[in-house]
Amino acid sequence: MANATDTPRSDFRSDSRAVLLYDGECGFCAGSVQFVLRHEPASARPRLAFAPLQGQFGTRIREQFPELAGVDSVVWYHPAIPAVRVRSAAALAATAHLGGLWAVAAALGRLVPRVLRDAVYDQIARRRFDIAAPACLLPTPEERARFLP
């Protein structure tokens, strides 16, 4: 996996929403997206979109940020900065998005040195296909509008 984190770029913007990019072929990643959809407060929903890394939007982001070439699990992209976060930083950004106690947990997670967080993340990422079987992500009609191609 690449070691890209918080890399700013100013020449690509989708809209004002953050985007959680995920491995569209991974059941664990699909489950993680479903977890975010189930736990985010209604007030946070307009601020986050989703896109598979293998889709059109994911391909454009990877072209814009070449350091993402080896990243294959989760990326947090925010067009207002614009920046990408990967590995544990992306997971913590998604957790913070949920607000409440999840945001507190994300803040506490950021106190752990990145090298340790990323080591744990890498172990999970390497085993993610063993943890969960491939699964289709079937958003509700309301959720479907938040998914980018």
Protein backbone atom coordinates (compact mmCIF):
# COMPACT_ATOMS: atom_id res chain seq x y z
CA MET A 1 0.00 0.00 0.00
CA ALA A 2 1.16 3.50 -0.73
CA ASN A 3 2.17 5.82 2.04
CA ALA A 4 0.10 8.79 0.84
CA THR A 5 -1.50 10.90 3.53
CA ASP A 6 -3.12 14.29 3.52
CA THR A 7 -1.60 15.17 0.14
CA PRO A 8 -2.97 18.51 -1.11
CA ARG A 9 -3.90 19.11 -4.75
CA SER A 10 -5.72 22.12 -6.14
CA ASP A 11 -6.65 20.99 -9.65
CA PHE A 12 -9.54 18.58 -9.03
CA ARG A 13 -12.91 19.13 -7.37
CA SER A 14 -16.05 17.02 -7.54
CA ASP A 15 -18.39 19.03 -5.35
CA SER A 16 -18.32 20.12 -1.73
CA ARG A 17 -18.88 16.65 -0.23
CA ALA A 18 -16.16 14.47 1.19
CA VAL A 19 -15.98 11.10 -0.56
CA LEU A 20 -15.25 7.74 1.03
CA LEU A 21 -13.68 5.58 -1.66
CA TYR A 22 -13.70 1.85 -0.97
CA ASP A 23 -12.75 -1.42 -2.64
CA GLY A 24 -15.90 -2.29 -4.56
CA GLU A 25 -14.88 -5.96 -4.72
CA CYS A 26 -14.38 -6.42 -0.98
CA GLY A 27 -17.12 -7.65 1.34
CA PHE A 28 -15.38 -6.16 4.39
CA CYS A 29 -15.24 -2.75 2.65
CA ALA A 30 -18.90 -3.01 1.61
CA GLY A 31 -19.75 -3.81 5.23
CA SER A 32 -17.77 -0.78 6.37
CA VAL A 33 -19.75 1.47 4.02
CA GLN A 34 -22.98 -0.05 5.34
CA PHE A 35 -21.75 0.63 8.89
CA VAL A 36 -21.22 4.32 8.05
CA LEU A 37 -24.66 4.52 6.41
CA ARG A 38 -26.32 2.97 9.48
CA HIS A 39 -24.53 5.07 12.09
CA GLU A 40 -24.18 8.55 10.61
CA PRO A 41 -26.56 11.21 11.87
CA ALA A 42 -29.04 12.59 9.34
CA SER A 43 -27.36 16.00 9.58
CA ALA A 44 -24.07 14.51 8.30
CA ARG A 45 -25.53 12.72 5.26
CA PRO A 46 -25.37 15.66 2.82
CA ARG A 47 -21.64 16.03 3.55
CA LEU A 48 -20.49 12.55 2.45
CA ALA A 49 -20.62 10.59 -0.79
CA PHE A 50 -19.30 7.11 -1.59
CA ALA A 51 -17.48 5.69 -4.61
CA PRO A 52 -15.78 2.42 -5.44
CA LEU A 53 -12.07 2.74 -6.18
CA GLN A 54 -12.69 0.79 -9.39
CA GLY A 55 -15.38 3.20 -10.64
CA GLN A 56 -15.12 6.32 -12.80
CA PHE A 57 -14.78 8.70 -9.87
CA GLY A 58 -12.24 6.46 -8.10
CA THR A 59 -10.20 6.22 -11.29
CA ARG A 60 -10.20 10.01 -11.66
CA ILE A 61 -9.05 10.47 -8.06
CA ARG A 62 -6.25 7.93 -8.50
CA GLU A 63 -5.16 9.71 -11.67
CA GLN A 64 -5.18 13.03 -9.83
CA PHE A 65 -3.22 11.60 -6.90
CA PRO A 66 -0.63 9.20 -8.41
CA GLU A 67 0.60 8.27 -4.93
CA LEU A 68 -2.65 6.30 -4.58
CA ALA A 69 -1.52 3.75 -7.20
CA GLY A 70 -0.89 1.05 -4.57
CA VAL A 71 -3.86 1.89 -2.33
CA ASP A 72 -6.57 -0.71 -2.65
CA SER A 73 -8.82 -0.54 0.40
CA VAL A 74 -10.08 2.85 1.62
CA VAL A 75 -9.42 6.48 0.76
CA TRP A 76 -10.98 9.61 2.26
CA TYR A 77 -11.06 12.46 -0.26
CA HIS A 78 -12.08 15.99 0.61
CA PRO A 79 -12.41 18.37 -2.37
CA ALA A 80 -12.39 21.55 -0.27
CA ILE A 81 -8.77 21.01 0.75
CA PRO A 82 -8.33 18.98 -1.64
CA ALA A 83 -6.56 16.12 0.03
CA VAL A 84 -6.59 12.37 0.32
CA ARG A 85 -6.18 10.31 3.45
CA VAL A 86 -5.36 6.63 3.41
CA ARG A 87 -4.99 3.70 5.77
CA SER A 88 -5.73 4.54 9.41
CA ALA A 89 -6.11 8.26 8.66
CA ALA A 90 -8.95 7.47 6.23
CA ALA A 91 -10.62 5.10 8.68
CA LEU A 92 -10.42 7.71 11.44
CA ALA A 93 -11.85 10.41 9.13
CA ALA A 94 -14.82 8.14 8.36
CA THR A 95 -15.26 7.40 12.07
CA ALA A 96 -15.12 11.10 12.97
CA HIS A 97 -17.79 11.78 10.33
CA LEU A 98 -20.22 9.72 12.41
CA GLY A 99 -20.10 12.29 15.20
CA GLY A 100 -20.92 11.76 18.86
CA LEU A 101 -18.99 9.04 20.65
CA TRP A 102 -17.57 7.88 17.31
CA ALA A 103 -15.90 11.27 16.89
CA VAL A 104 -14.48 10.95 20.40
CA ALA A 105 -13.16 7.47 19.53
CA ALA A 106 -11.57 8.89 16.35
CA ALA A 107 -9.92 11.68 18.35
CA LEU A 108 -8.54 9.13 20.80
CA GLY A 109 -7.37 6.99 17.88
CA ARG A 110 -5.39 9.94 16.52
CA LEU A 111 -3.41 9.98 19.78
CA VAL A 112 -1.93 6.60 18.82
CA PRO A 113 1.21 7.10 16.71
CA ARG A 114 0.44 6.74 13.00
CA VAL A 115 3.03 3.99 12.56
CA LEU A 116 1.17 1.81 15.09
CA ARG A 117 -2.28 2.69 13.71
CA ASP A 118 -1.16 1.91 10.18
CA ALA A 119 0.40 -1.39 11.25
CA VAL A 120 -2.94 -2.51 12.69
CA TYR A 121 -4.78 -1.18 9.63
CA ASP A 122 -2.41 -3.05 7.30
CA GLN A 123 -3.00 -6.33 9.14
CA ILE A 124 -6.76 -5.95 8.76
CA ALA A 125 -6.45 -4.83 5.12
CA ARG A 126 -4.32 -7.86 4.25
CA ARG A 127 -6.93 -10.19 5.73
CA ARG A 128 -10.08 -8.35 4.66
CA PHE A 129 -11.01 -10.91 2.01
CA ASP A 130 -10.76 -13.66 4.63
CA ILE A 131 -12.77 -11.67 7.19
CA ALA A 132 -15.81 -11.15 4.97
CA ALA A 133 -17.00 -12.86 1.82
CA PRO A 134 -17.48 -10.76 -1.32
CA ALA A 135 -20.76 -8.92 -1.10
CA CYS A 136 -22.81 -6.59 -3.22
CA LEU A 137 -23.43 -3.21 -1.72
CA LEU A 138 -27.15 -2.56 -2.21
CA PRO A 139 -27.97 0.97 -1.11
CA THR A 140 -31.54 2.03 -0.55
CA PRO A 141 -33.06 4.37 -3.16
CA GLU A 142 -32.35 7.33 -0.82
CA GLU A 143 -28.74 6.23 -0.33
CA ARG A 144 -28.17 5.54 -4.04
CA ALA A 145 -27.99 9.28 -4.80
CA ARG A 146 -24.91 9.49 -2.56
CA PHE A 147 -22.94 6.95 -4.62
CA LEU A 148 -20.73 8.25 -7.40
CA PRO A 149 -20.05 6.19 -10.53
